[in-house]
Amino acid sequence: MSTYVFIESRDPFESRDEFIEETALAVKDRGHDVTVFLVQNGVLAARKSAKRFNRLVQAGVTLLADDLSLHERGIKTDELMSGIQPTAIDEIVERIVKEKTKAVWH
């Protein structure tokens, strides 16, 4: 089993592309460990009101949001969708450098 880390930096409201969600679900269905890390404008999808990643949460995909990107956009922790955890960029770097980990930046 491999680990996949998908990094989403694009604003979900400018791009209706569902590549990250569809690919993460497909990889998870194949039995791999999957993390989606939201950074830059990608964190806009982390808000409760966005209702973007419900299927990922239900499938057991780990969802993380860059705490600096959240802060820069004025998004508070209590505004995050259930299942999304704020984290420092260091955490994602630690995950990416592990053996058998594949990173995909979108």
PDB file of N, CA and C in Angstrom:
ATOM      1  N   MET A   1       0.851  -1.186   0.000  1.00  0.00           N
ATOM      2  CA  MET A   1       0.000   0.000   0.000  1.00  0.00           C
ATOM      3  C   MET A   1       0.889   1.240   0.000  1.00  0.00           C
ATOM      4  N   SER A   2       0.512   2.200  -0.810  1.00  0.00           N
ATOM      5  CA  SER A   2       1.223   3.476  -0.891  1.00  0.00           C
ATOM      6  C   SER A   2       0.417   4.563  -0.195  1.00  0.00           C
ATOM      7  N   THR A   3       1.077   5.671   0.012  1.00  0.00           N
ATOM      8  CA  THR A   3       0.430   6.849   0.563  1.00  0.00           C
ATOM      9  C   THR A   3       0.422   7.927  -0.517  1.00  0.00           C
ATOM     10  N   TYR A   4      -0.715   8.567  -0.681  1.00  0.00           N
ATOM     11  CA  TYR A   4      -0.853   9.649  -1.653  1.00  0.00           C
ATOM     12  C   TYR A   4      -1.193  10.934  -0.912  1.00  0.00           C
ATOM     13  N   VAL A   5      -0.512  12.003  -1.287  1.00  0.00           N
ATOM     14  CA  VAL A   5      -0.793  13.322  -0.739  1.00  0.00           C
ATOM     15  C   VAL A   5      -1.163  14.218  -1.919  1.00  0.00           C
ATOM     16  N   PHE A   6      -2.400  14.667  -1.943  1.00  0.00           N
ATOM     17  CA  PHE A   6      -2.874  15.588  -2.966  1.00  0.00           C
ATOM     18  C   PHE A   6      -2.851  16.990  -2.376  1.00  0.00           C
ATOM     19  N   ILE A   7      -2.224  17.906  -3.081  1.00  0.00           N
ATOM     20  CA  ILE A   7      -2.117  19.286  -2.618  1.00  0.00           C
ATOM     21  C   ILE A   7      -2.968  20.148  -3.538  1.00  0.00           C
ATOM     22  N   GLU A   8      -3.965  20.785  -2.953  1.00  0.00           N
ATOM     23  CA  GLU A   8      -4.880  21.638  -3.736  1.00  0.00           C
ATOM     24  C   GLU A   8      -4.660  23.093  -3.368  1.00  0.00           C
ATOM     25  N   SER A   9      -4.269  23.883  -4.372  1.00  0.00           N
ATOM     26  CA  SER A   9      -3.996  25.300  -4.129  1.00  0.00           C
ATOM     27  C   SER A   9      -4.975  26.220  -4.848  1.00  0.00           C
ATOM     28  N   ARG A  10      -5.845  25.648  -5.659  1.00  0.00           N
ATOM     29  CA  ARG A  10      -6.733  26.489  -6.472  1.00  0.00           C
ATOM     30  C   ARG A  10      -8.034  26.822  -5.752  1.00  0.00           C
ATOM     31  N   ASP A  11      -8.540  27.995  -6.035  1.00  0.00           N
ATOM     32  CA  ASP A  11      -9.817  28.463  -5.507  1.00  0.00           C
ATOM     33  C   ASP A  11     -10.925  27.571  -6.068  1.00  0.00           C
ATOM     34  N   PRO A  12     -11.700  26.922  -5.209  1.00  0.00           N
ATOM     35  CA  PRO A  12     -12.731  26.000  -5.692  1.00  0.00           C
ATOM     36  C   PRO A  12     -13.884  26.696  -6.411  1.00  0.00           C
ATOM     37  N   PHE A  13     -13.994  27.997  -6.235  1.00  0.00           N
ATOM     38  CA  PHE A  13     -15.094  28.720  -6.852  1.00  0.00           C
ATOM     39  C   PHE A  13     -14.708  29.295  -8.216  1.00  0.00           C
ATOM     40  N   GLU A  14     -13.408  29.376  -8.482  1.00  0.00           N
ATOM     41  CA  GLU A  14     -12.943  29.788  -9.805  1.00  0.00           C
ATOM     42  C   GLU A  14     -12.832  28.590 -10.728  1.00  0.00           C
ATOM     43  N   SER A  15     -12.536  27.459 -10.151  1.00  0.00           N
ATOM     44  CA  SER A  15     -12.368  26.237 -10.929  1.00  0.00           C
ATOM     45  C   SER A  15     -13.338  25.178 -10.415  1.00  0.00           C
ATOM     46  N   ARG A  16     -14.196  24.704 -11.260  1.00  0.00           N
ATOM     47  CA  ARG A  16     -15.170  23.683 -10.858  1.00  0.00           C
ATOM     48  C   ARG A  16     -14.613  22.277 -11.104  1.00  0.00           C
ATOM     49  N   ASP A  17     -13.325  22.201 -11.368  1.00  0.00           N
ATOM     50  CA  ASP A  17     -12.625  20.953 -11.616  1.00  0.00           C
ATOM     51  C   ASP A  17     -12.698  20.065 -10.370  1.00  0.00           C
ATOM     52  N   GLU A  18     -13.101  18.819 -10.537  1.00  0.00           N
ATOM     53  CA  GLU A  18     -13.211  17.896  -9.413  1.00  0.00           C
ATOM     54  C   GLU A  18     -12.107  16.842  -9.436  1.00  0.00           C
ATOM     55  N   PHE A  19     -10.976  17.173 -10.075  1.00  0.00           N
ATOM     56  CA  PHE A  19      -9.865  16.234 -10.195  1.00  0.00           C
ATOM     57  C   PHE A  19      -9.420  15.692  -8.843  1.00  0.00           C
ATOM     58  N   ILE A  20      -9.186  16.574  -7.885  1.00  0.00           N
ATOM     59  CA  ILE A  20      -8.687  16.142  -6.575  1.00  0.00           C
ATOM     60  C   ILE A  20      -9.677  15.203  -5.914  1.00  0.00           C
ATOM     61  N   GLU A  21     -10.931  15.590  -5.865  1.00  0.00           N
ATOM     62  CA  GLU A  21     -11.939  14.770  -5.186  1.00  0.00           C
ATOM     63  C   GLU A  21     -12.095  13.404  -5.860  1.00  0.00           C
ATOM     64  N   GLU A  22     -12.250  13.394  -7.166  1.00  0.00           N
ATOM     65  CA  GLU A  22     -12.462  12.134  -7.887  1.00  0.00           C
ATOM     66  C   GLU A  22     -11.240  11.223  -7.808  1.00  0.00           C
ATOM     67  N   THR A  23     -10.061  11.798  -7.968  1.00  0.00           N
ATOM     68  CA  THR A  23      -8.844  10.995  -7.941  1.00  0.00           C
ATOM     69  C   THR A  23      -8.560  10.480  -6.538  1.00  0.00           C
ATOM     70  N   ALA A  24      -8.736  11.321  -5.539  1.00  0.00           N
ATOM     71  CA  ALA A  24      -8.512  10.893  -4.156  1.00  0.00           C
ATOM     72  C   ALA A  24      -9.455   9.745  -3.778  1.00  0.00           C
ATOM     73  N   LEU A  25     -10.706   9.831  -4.196  1.00  0.00           N
ATOM     74  CA  LEU A  25     -11.660   8.752  -3.913  1.00  0.00           C
ATOM     75  C   LEU A  25     -11.279   7.460  -4.633  1.00  0.00           C
ATOM     76  N   ALA A  26     -10.851   7.572  -5.872  1.00  0.00           N
ATOM     77  CA  ALA A  26     -10.457   6.387  -6.638  1.00  0.00           C
ATOM     78  C   ALA A  26      -9.239   5.710  -6.009  1.00  0.00           C
ATOM     79  N   VAL A  27      -8.269   6.492  -5.583  1.00  0.00           N
ATOM     80  CA  VAL A  27      -7.066   5.944  -4.962  1.00  0.00           C
ATOM     81  C   VAL A  27      -7.414   5.318  -3.603  1.00  0.00           C
ATOM     82  N   LYS A  28      -8.267   5.975  -2.847  1.00  0.00           N
ATOM     83  CA  LYS A  28      -8.705   5.436  -1.549  1.00  0.00           C
ATOM     84  C   LYS A  28      -9.447   4.118  -1.751  1.00  0.00           C
ATOM     85  N   ASP A  29     -10.296   4.039  -2.767  1.00  0.00           N
ATOM     86  CA  ASP A  29     -11.036   2.809  -3.069  1.00  0.00           C
ATOM     87  C   ASP A  29     -10.096   1.650  -3.399  1.00  0.00           C
ATOM     88  N   ARG A  30      -8.907   1.956  -3.861  1.00  0.00           N
ATOM     89  CA  ARG A  30      -7.923   0.913  -4.178  1.00  0.00           C
ATOM     90  C   ARG A  30      -7.112   0.509  -2.946  1.00  0.00           C
ATOM     91  N   GLY A  31      -7.465   1.069  -1.787  1.00  0.00           N
ATOM     92  CA  GLY A  31      -6.837   0.650  -0.536  1.00  0.00           C
ATOM     93  C   GLY A  31      -5.627   1.449  -0.091  1.00  0.00           C
ATOM     94  N   HIS A  32      -5.365   2.573  -0.735  1.00  0.00           N
ATOM     95  CA  HIS A  32      -4.214   3.391  -0.365  1.00  0.00           C
ATOM     96  C   HIS A  32      -4.601   4.427   0.691  1.00  0.00           C
ATOM     97  N   ASP A  33      -3.596   4.880   1.423  1.00  0.00           N
ATOM     98  CA  ASP A  33      -3.778   5.951   2.399  1.00  0.00           C
ATOM     99  C   ASP A  33      -3.759   7.268   1.634  1.00  0.00           C
ATOM    100  N   VAL A  34      -4.756   8.116   1.848  1.00  0.00           N
ATOM    101  CA  VAL A  34      -4.878   9.355   1.070  1.00  0.00           C
ATOM    102  C   VAL A  34      -5.055  10.559   2.000  1.00  0.00           C
ATOM    103  N   THR A  35      -4.281  11.591   1.707  1.00  0.00           N
ATOM    104  CA  THR A  35      -4.399  12.878   2.395  1.00  0.00           C
ATOM    105  C   THR A  35      -4.603  13.957   1.342  1.00  0.00           C
ATOM    106  N   VAL A  36      -5.524  14.869   1.603  1.00  0.00           N
ATOM    107  CA  VAL A  36      -5.694  16.058   0.765  1.00  0.00           C
ATOM    108  C   VAL A  36      -5.295  17.250   1.622  1.00  0.00           C
ATOM    109  N   PHE A  37      -4.336  18.014   1.132  1.00  0.00           N
ATOM    110  CA  PHE A  37      -3.838  19.184   1.841  1.00  0.00           C
ATOM    111  C   PHE A  37      -4.243  20.431   1.073  1.00  0.00           C
ATOM    112  N   LEU A  38      -5.000  21.287   1.721  1.00  0.00           N
ATOM    113  CA  LEU A  38      -5.466  22.539   1.115  1.00  0.00           C
ATOM    114  C   LEU A  38      -4.502  23.662   1.489  1.00  0.00           C
ATOM    115  N   VAL A  39      -4.056  24.400   0.476  1.00  0.00           N
ATOM    116  CA  VAL A  39      -3.101  25.481   0.693  1.00  0.00           C
ATOM    117  C   VAL A  39      -3.474  26.647  -0.217  1.00  0.00           C
ATOM    118  N   GLN A  40      -2.982  27.814   0.105  1.00  0.00           N
ATOM    119  CA  GLN A  40      -3.269  29.035  -0.645  1.00  0.00           C
ATOM    120  C   GLN A  40      -4.792  29.183  -0.791  1.00  0.00           C
ATOM    121  N   ASN A  41      -5.308  29.477  -1.991  1.00  0.00           N
ATOM    122  CA  ASN A  41      -6.752  29.668  -2.150  1.00  0.00           C
ATOM    123  C   ASN A  41      -7.543  28.361  -2.046  1.00  0.00           C
ATOM    124  N   GLY A  42      -6.857  27.233  -2.033  1.00  0.00           N
ATOM    125  CA  GLY A  42      -7.537  25.949  -1.842  1.00  0.00           C
ATOM    126  C   GLY A  42      -8.245  25.857  -0.499  1.00  0.00           C
ATOM    127  N   VAL A  43      -7.773  26.633   0.500  1.00  0.00           N
ATOM    128  CA  VAL A  43      -8.409  26.583   1.822  1.00  0.00           C
ATOM    129  C   VAL A  43      -9.819  27.170   1.823  1.00  0.00           C
ATOM    130  N   LEU A  44     -10.183  27.894   0.779  1.00  0.00           N
ATOM    131  CA  LEU A  44     -11.538  28.448   0.718  1.00  0.00           C
ATOM    132  C   LEU A  44     -12.580  27.329   0.708  1.00  0.00           C
ATOM    133  N   ALA A  45     -12.189  26.145   0.248  1.00  0.00           N
ATOM    134  CA  ALA A  45     -13.101  24.994   0.224  1.00  0.00           C
ATOM    135  C   ALA A  45     -13.218  24.334   1.593  1.00  0.00           C
ATOM    136  N   ALA A  46     -12.427  24.755   2.553  1.00  0.00           N
ATOM    137  CA  ALA A  46     -12.432  24.147   3.885  1.00  0.00           C
ATOM    138  C   ALA A  46     -13.571  24.660   4.774  1.00  0.00           C
ATOM    139  N   ARG A  47     -14.190  25.756   4.373  1.00  0.00           N
ATOM    140  CA  ARG A  47     -15.252  26.339   5.203  1.00  0.00           C
ATOM    141  C   ARG A  47     -16.519  25.487   5.176  1.00  0.00           C
ATOM    142  N   LYS A  48     -17.237  25.483   6.289  1.00  0.00           N
ATOM    143  CA  LYS A  48     -18.496  24.736   6.386  1.00  0.00           C
ATOM    144  C   LYS A  48     -19.441  25.102   5.249  1.00  0.00           C
ATOM    145  N   SER A  49     -19.503  26.371   4.924  1.00  0.00           N
ATOM    146  CA  SER A  49     -20.443  26.841   3.914  1.00  0.00           C
ATOM    147  C   SER A  49     -20.100  26.342   2.508  1.00  0.00           C
ATOM    148  N   ALA A  50     -18.867  25.915   2.271  1.00  0.00           N
ATOM    149  CA  ALA A  50     -18.466  25.460   0.938  1.00  0.00           C
ATOM    150  C   ALA A  50     -19.058  24.089   0.605  1.00  0.00           C
ATOM    151  N   LYS A  51     -19.231  23.245   1.598  1.00  0.00           N
ATOM    152  CA  LYS A  51     -19.818  21.903   1.418  1.00  0.00           C
ATOM    153  C   LYS A  51     -19.181  21.161   0.255  1.00  0.00           C
ATOM    154  N   ARG A  52     -17.873  21.173   0.202  1.00  0.00           N
ATOM    155  CA  ARG A  52     -17.166  20.640  -0.958  1.00  0.00           C
ATOM    156  C   ARG A  52     -16.672  19.204  -0.789  1.00  0.00           C
ATOM    157  N   PHE A  53     -16.189  18.843   0.390  1.00  0.00           N
ATOM    158  CA  PHE A  53     -15.478  17.588   0.538  1.00  0.00           C
ATOM    159  C   PHE A  53     -16.189  16.550   1.399  1.00  0.00           C
ATOM    160  N   ASN A  54     -17.495  16.581   1.442  1.00  0.00           N
ATOM    161  CA  ASN A  54     -18.243  15.617   2.258  1.00  0.00           C
ATOM    162  C   ASN A  54     -17.930  14.173   1.885  1.00  0.00           C
ATOM    163  N   ARG A  55     -17.843  13.888   0.593  1.00  0.00           N
ATOM    164  CA  ARG A  55     -17.569  12.504   0.160  1.00  0.00           C
ATOM    165  C   ARG A  55     -16.191  12.046   0.612  1.00  0.00           C
ATOM    166  N   LEU A  56     -15.226  12.945   0.626  1.00  0.00           N
ATOM    167  CA  LEU A  56     -13.882  12.581   1.063  1.00  0.00           C
ATOM    168  C   LEU A  56     -13.865  12.248   2.551  1.00  0.00           C
ATOM    169  N   VAL A  57     -14.545  13.053   3.334  1.00  0.00           N
ATOM    170  CA  VAL A  57     -14.620  12.802   4.775  1.00  0.00           C
ATOM    171  C   VAL A  57     -15.273  11.445   5.028  1.00  0.00           C
ATOM    172  N   GLN A  58     -16.370  11.185   4.353  1.00  0.00           N
ATOM    173  CA  GLN A  58     -17.083   9.912   4.530  1.00  0.00           C
ATOM    174  C   GLN A  58     -16.246   8.718   4.092  1.00  0.00           C
ATOM    175  N   ALA A  59     -15.368   8.907   3.117  1.00  0.00           N
ATOM    176  CA  ALA A  59     -14.531   7.812   2.610  1.00  0.00           C
ATOM    177  C   ALA A  59     -13.297   7.568   3.485  1.00  0.00           C
ATOM    178  N   GLY A  60     -13.056   8.438   4.450  1.00  0.00           N
ATOM    179  CA  GLY A  60     -11.904   8.262   5.330  1.00  0.00           C
ATOM    180  C   GLY A  60     -10.625   8.906   4.841  1.00  0.00           C
ATOM    181  N   VAL A  61     -10.747   9.836   3.904  1.00  0.00           N
ATOM    182  CA  VAL A  61      -9.589  10.586   3.426  1.00  0.00           C
ATOM    183  C   VAL A  61      -9.223  11.623   4.494  1.00  0.00           C
ATOM    184  N   THR A  62      -7.936  11.753   4.777  1.00  0.00           N
ATOM    185  CA  THR A  62      -7.466  12.765   5.719  1.00  0.00           C
ATOM    186  C   THR A  62      -7.463  14.118   5.021  1.00  0.00           C
ATOM    187  N   LEU A  63      -8.112  15.102   5.628  1.00  0.00           N
ATOM    188  CA  LEU A  63      -8.176  16.452   5.057  1.00  0.00           C
ATOM    189  C   LEU A  63      -7.478  17.429   5.991  1.00  0.00           C
ATOM    190  N   LEU A  64      -6.488  18.117   5.452  1.00  0.00           N
ATOM    191  CA  LEU A  64      -5.723  19.096   6.213  1.00  0.00           C
ATOM    192  C   LEU A  64      -5.761  20.432   5.494  1.00  0.00           C
ATOM    193  N   ALA A  65      -5.723  21.513   6.262  1.00  0.00           N
ATOM    194  CA  ALA A  65      -5.702  22.854   5.681  1.00  0.00           C
ATOM    195  C   ALA A  65      -4.540  23.630   6.284  1.00  0.00           C
ATOM    196  N   ASP A  66      -3.761  24.260   5.451  1.00  0.00           N
ATOM    197  CA  ASP A  66      -2.600  25.029   5.881  1.00  0.00           C
ATOM    198  C   ASP A  66      -3.037  26.164   6.805  1.00  0.00           C
ATOM    199  N   ASP A  67      -2.502  26.160   8.017  1.00  0.00           N
ATOM    200  CA  ASP A  67      -2.934  27.152   9.001  1.00  0.00           C
ATOM    201  C   ASP A  67      -2.567  28.581   8.599  1.00  0.00           C
ATOM    202  N   LEU A  68      -1.434  28.770   7.930  1.00  0.00           N
ATOM    203  CA  LEU A  68      -1.054  30.118   7.486  1.00  0.00           C
ATOM    204  C   LEU A  68      -2.002  30.613   6.398  1.00  0.00           C
ATOM    205  N   SER A  69      -2.344  29.749   5.453  1.00  0.00           N
ATOM    206  CA  SER A  69      -3.287  30.130   4.388  1.00  0.00           C
ATOM    207  C   SER A  69      -4.652  30.472   4.973  1.00  0.00           C
ATOM    208  N   LEU A  70      -5.079  29.713   5.969  1.00  0.00           N
ATOM    209  CA  LEU A  70      -6.353  30.010   6.643  1.00  0.00           C
ATOM    210  C   LEU A  70      -6.296  31.387   7.290  1.00  0.00           C
ATOM    211  N   HIS A  71      -5.223  31.633   8.032  1.00  0.00           N
ATOM    212  CA  HIS A  71      -5.056  32.917   8.727  1.00  0.00           C
ATOM    213  C   HIS A  71      -5.035  34.087   7.742  1.00  0.00           C
ATOM    214  N   GLU A  72      -4.300  33.928   6.641  1.00  0.00           N
ATOM    215  CA  GLU A  72      -4.202  35.001   5.641  1.00  0.00           C
ATOM    216  C   GLU A  72      -5.552  35.331   5.011  1.00  0.00           C
ATOM    217  N   ARG A  73      -6.459  34.371   4.986  1.00  0.00           N
ATOM    218  CA  ARG A  73      -7.773  34.576   4.374  1.00  0.00           C
ATOM    219  C   ARG A  73      -8.869  34.817   5.420  1.00  0.00           C
ATOM    220  N   GLY A  74      -8.467  34.962   6.676  1.00  0.00           N
ATOM    221  CA  GLY A  74      -9.408  35.289   7.738  1.00  0.00           C
ATOM    222  C   GLY A  74     -10.367  34.160   8.085  1.00  0.00           C
ATOM    223  N   ILE A  75      -9.960  32.915   7.832  1.00  0.00           N
ATOM    224  CA  ILE A  75     -10.817  31.767   8.135  1.00  0.00           C
ATOM    225  C   ILE A  75     -10.412  31.207   9.487  1.00  0.00           C
ATOM    226  N   LYS A  76     -11.369  31.198  10.409  1.00  0.00           N
ATOM    227  CA  LYS A  76     -11.109  30.711  11.766  1.00  0.00           C
ATOM    228  C   LYS A  76     -11.385  29.210  11.859  1.00  0.00           C
ATOM    229  N   THR A  77     -10.768  28.575  12.837  1.00  0.00           N
ATOM    230  CA  THR A  77     -10.910  27.131  13.028  1.00  0.00           C
ATOM    231  C   THR A  77     -12.364  26.706  13.168  1.00  0.00           C
ATOM    232  N   ASP A  78     -13.171  27.496  13.873  1.00  0.00           N
ATOM    233  CA  ASP A  78     -14.578  27.111  14.073  1.00  0.00           C
ATOM    234  C   ASP A  78     -15.416  27.258  12.798  1.00  0.00           C
ATOM    235  N   GLU A  79     -14.848  27.831  11.758  1.00  0.00           N
ATOM    236  CA  GLU A  79     -15.534  27.955  10.468  1.00  0.00           C
ATOM    237  C   GLU A  79     -15.253  26.764   9.547  1.00  0.00           C
ATOM    238  N   LEU A  80     -14.332  25.877   9.967  1.00  0.00           N
ATOM    239  CA  LEU A  80     -13.941  24.756   9.123  1.00  0.00           C
ATOM    240  C   LEU A  80     -14.987  23.655   9.135  1.00  0.00           C
ATOM    241  N   MET A  81     -15.120  23.014   8.006  1.00  0.00           N
ATOM    242  CA  MET A  81     -15.999  21.863   7.876  1.00  0.00           C
ATOM    243  C   MET A  81     -15.505  20.763   8.818  1.00  0.00           C
ATOM    244  N   SER A  82     -16.418  20.026   9.379  1.00  0.00           N
ATOM    245  CA  SER A  82     -16.053  18.910  10.240  1.00  0.00           C
ATOM    246  C   SER A  82     -15.215  17.914   9.434  1.00  0.00           C
ATOM    247  N   GLY A  83     -14.107  17.481  10.008  1.00  0.00           N
ATOM    248  CA  GLY A  83     -13.242  16.534   9.326  1.00  0.00           C
ATOM    249  C   GLY A  83     -12.014  17.175   8.702  1.00  0.00           C
ATOM    250  N   ILE A  84     -11.954  18.507   8.689  1.00  0.00           N
ATOM    251  CA  ILE A  84     -10.785  19.207   8.156  1.00  0.00           C
ATOM    252  C   ILE A  84      -9.997  19.772   9.327  1.00  0.00           C
ATOM    253  N   GLN A  85      -8.720  19.444   9.360  1.00  0.00           N
ATOM    254  CA  GLN A  85      -7.862  19.868  10.464  1.00  0.00           C
ATOM    255  C   GLN A  85      -6.864  20.919   9.992  1.00  0.00           C
ATOM    256  N   PRO A  86      -6.758  22.027  10.715  1.00  0.00           N
ATOM    257  CA  PRO A  86      -5.708  22.992  10.373  1.00  0.00           C
ATOM    258  C   PRO A  86      -4.354  22.405  10.780  1.00  0.00           C
ATOM    259  N   THR A  87      -3.343  22.661   9.989  1.00  0.00           N
ATOM    260  CA  THR A  87      -2.013  22.129  10.283  1.00  0.00           C
ATOM    261  C   THR A  87      -0.947  23.025   9.679  1.00  0.00           C
ATOM    262  N   ALA A  88       0.238  22.926  10.238  1.00  0.00           N
ATOM    263  CA  ALA A  88       1.372  23.696   9.720  1.00  0.00           C
ATOM    264  C   ALA A  88       1.947  22.997   8.500  1.00  0.00           C
ATOM    265  N   ILE A  89       2.577  23.767   7.655  1.00  0.00           N
ATOM    266  CA  ILE A  89       3.175  23.232   6.426  1.00  0.00           C
ATOM    267  C   ILE A  89       4.206  22.156   6.747  1.00  0.00           C
ATOM    268  N   ASP A  90       4.839  22.240   7.917  1.00  0.00           N
ATOM    269  CA  ASP A  90       5.838  21.242   8.314  1.00  0.00           C
ATOM    270  C   ASP A  90       5.251  19.830   8.294  1.00  0.00           C
ATOM    271  N   GLU A  91       4.005  19.706   8.707  1.00  0.00           N
ATOM    272  CA  GLU A  91       3.341  18.400   8.756  1.00  0.00           C
ATOM    273  C   GLU A  91       3.244  17.781   7.362  1.00  0.00           C
ATOM    274  N   ILE A  92       2.914  18.578   6.390  1.00  0.00           N
ATOM    275  CA  ILE A  92       2.762  18.034   5.046  1.00  0.00           C
ATOM    276  C   ILE A  92       4.125  17.671   4.458  1.00  0.00           C
ATOM    277  N   VAL A  93       5.135  18.459   4.767  1.00  0.00           N
ATOM    278  CA  VAL A  93       6.486  18.129   4.315  1.00  0.00           C
ATOM    279  C   VAL A  93       6.907  16.788   4.906  1.00  0.00           C
ATOM    280  N   GLU A  94       6.631  16.585   6.183  1.00  0.00           N
ATOM    281  CA  GLU A  94       6.962  15.303   6.846  1.00  0.00           C
ATOM    282  C   GLU A  94       6.262  14.140   6.147  1.00  0.00           C
ATOM    283  N   ARG A  95       5.039  14.322   5.752  1.00  0.00           N
ATOM    284  CA  ARG A  95       4.291  13.254   5.080  1.00  0.00           C
ATOM    285  C   ARG A  95       4.845  12.956   3.692  1.00  0.00           C
ATOM    286  N   ILE A  96       5.213  13.991   2.976  1.00  0.00           N
ATOM    287  CA  ILE A  96       5.671  13.823   1.600  1.00  0.00           C
ATOM    288  C   ILE A  96       7.012  13.077   1.518  1.00  0.00           C
ATOM    289  N   VAL A  97       7.891  13.303   2.476  1.00  0.00           N
ATOM    290  CA  VAL A  97       9.223  12.708   2.391  1.00  0.00           C
ATOM    291  C   VAL A  97       9.277  11.259   2.874  1.00  0.00           C
ATOM    292  N   LYS A  98       8.173  10.729   3.348  1.00  0.00           N
ATOM    293  CA  LYS A  98       8.159   9.339   3.790  1.00  0.00           C
ATOM    294  C   LYS A  98       8.239   8.392   2.597  1.00  0.00           C
ATOM    295  N   GLU A  99       8.829   7.243   2.837  1.00  0.00           N
ATOM    296  CA  GLU A  99       8.957   6.218   1.799  1.00  0.00           C
ATOM    297  C   GLU A  99       7.574   5.774   1.310  1.00  0.00           C
ATOM    298  N   LYS A 100       7.484   5.458   0.035  1.00  0.00           N
ATOM    299  CA  LYS A 100       6.260   4.998  -0.623  1.00  0.00           C
ATOM    300  C   LYS A 100       5.152   6.046  -0.621  1.00  0.00           C
ATOM    301  N   THR A 101       5.552   7.314  -0.619  1.00  0.00           N
ATOM    302  CA  THR A 101       4.572   8.402  -0.667  1.00  0.00           C
ATOM    303  C   THR A 101       4.671   9.101  -2.012  1.00  0.00           C
ATOM    304  N   LYS A 102       3.530   9.334  -2.603  1.00  0.00           N
ATOM    305  CA  LYS A 102       3.451  10.041  -3.879  1.00  0.00           C
ATOM    306  C   LYS A 102       2.694  11.349  -3.645  1.00  0.00           C
ATOM    307  N   ALA A 103       3.268  12.441  -4.111  1.00  0.00           N
ATOM    308  CA  ALA A 103       2.630  13.741  -3.963  1.00  0.00           C
ATOM    309  C   ALA A 103       2.142  14.235  -5.314  1.00  0.00           C
ATOM    310  N   VAL A 104       0.936  14.799  -5.316  1.00  0.00           N
ATOM    311  CA  VAL A 104       0.339  15.347  -6.536  1.00  0.00           C
ATOM    312  C   VAL A 104      -0.124  16.765  -6.222  1.00  0.00           C
ATOM    313  N   TRP A 105       0.495  17.745  -6.894  1.00  0.00           N
ATOM    314  CA  TRP A 105       0.103  19.146  -6.689  1.00  0.00           C
ATOM    315  C   TRP A 105      -0.847  19.526  -7.807  1.00  0.00           C
ATOM    316  N   HIS A 106      -1.967  20.122  -7.421  1.00  0.00           N
ATOM    317  CA  HIS A 106      -2.992  20.491  -8.403  1.00  0.00           C
ATOM    318  C   HIS A 106      -3.272  21.969  -8.302  1.00  0.00           C
TER     319      HIS A 106
END
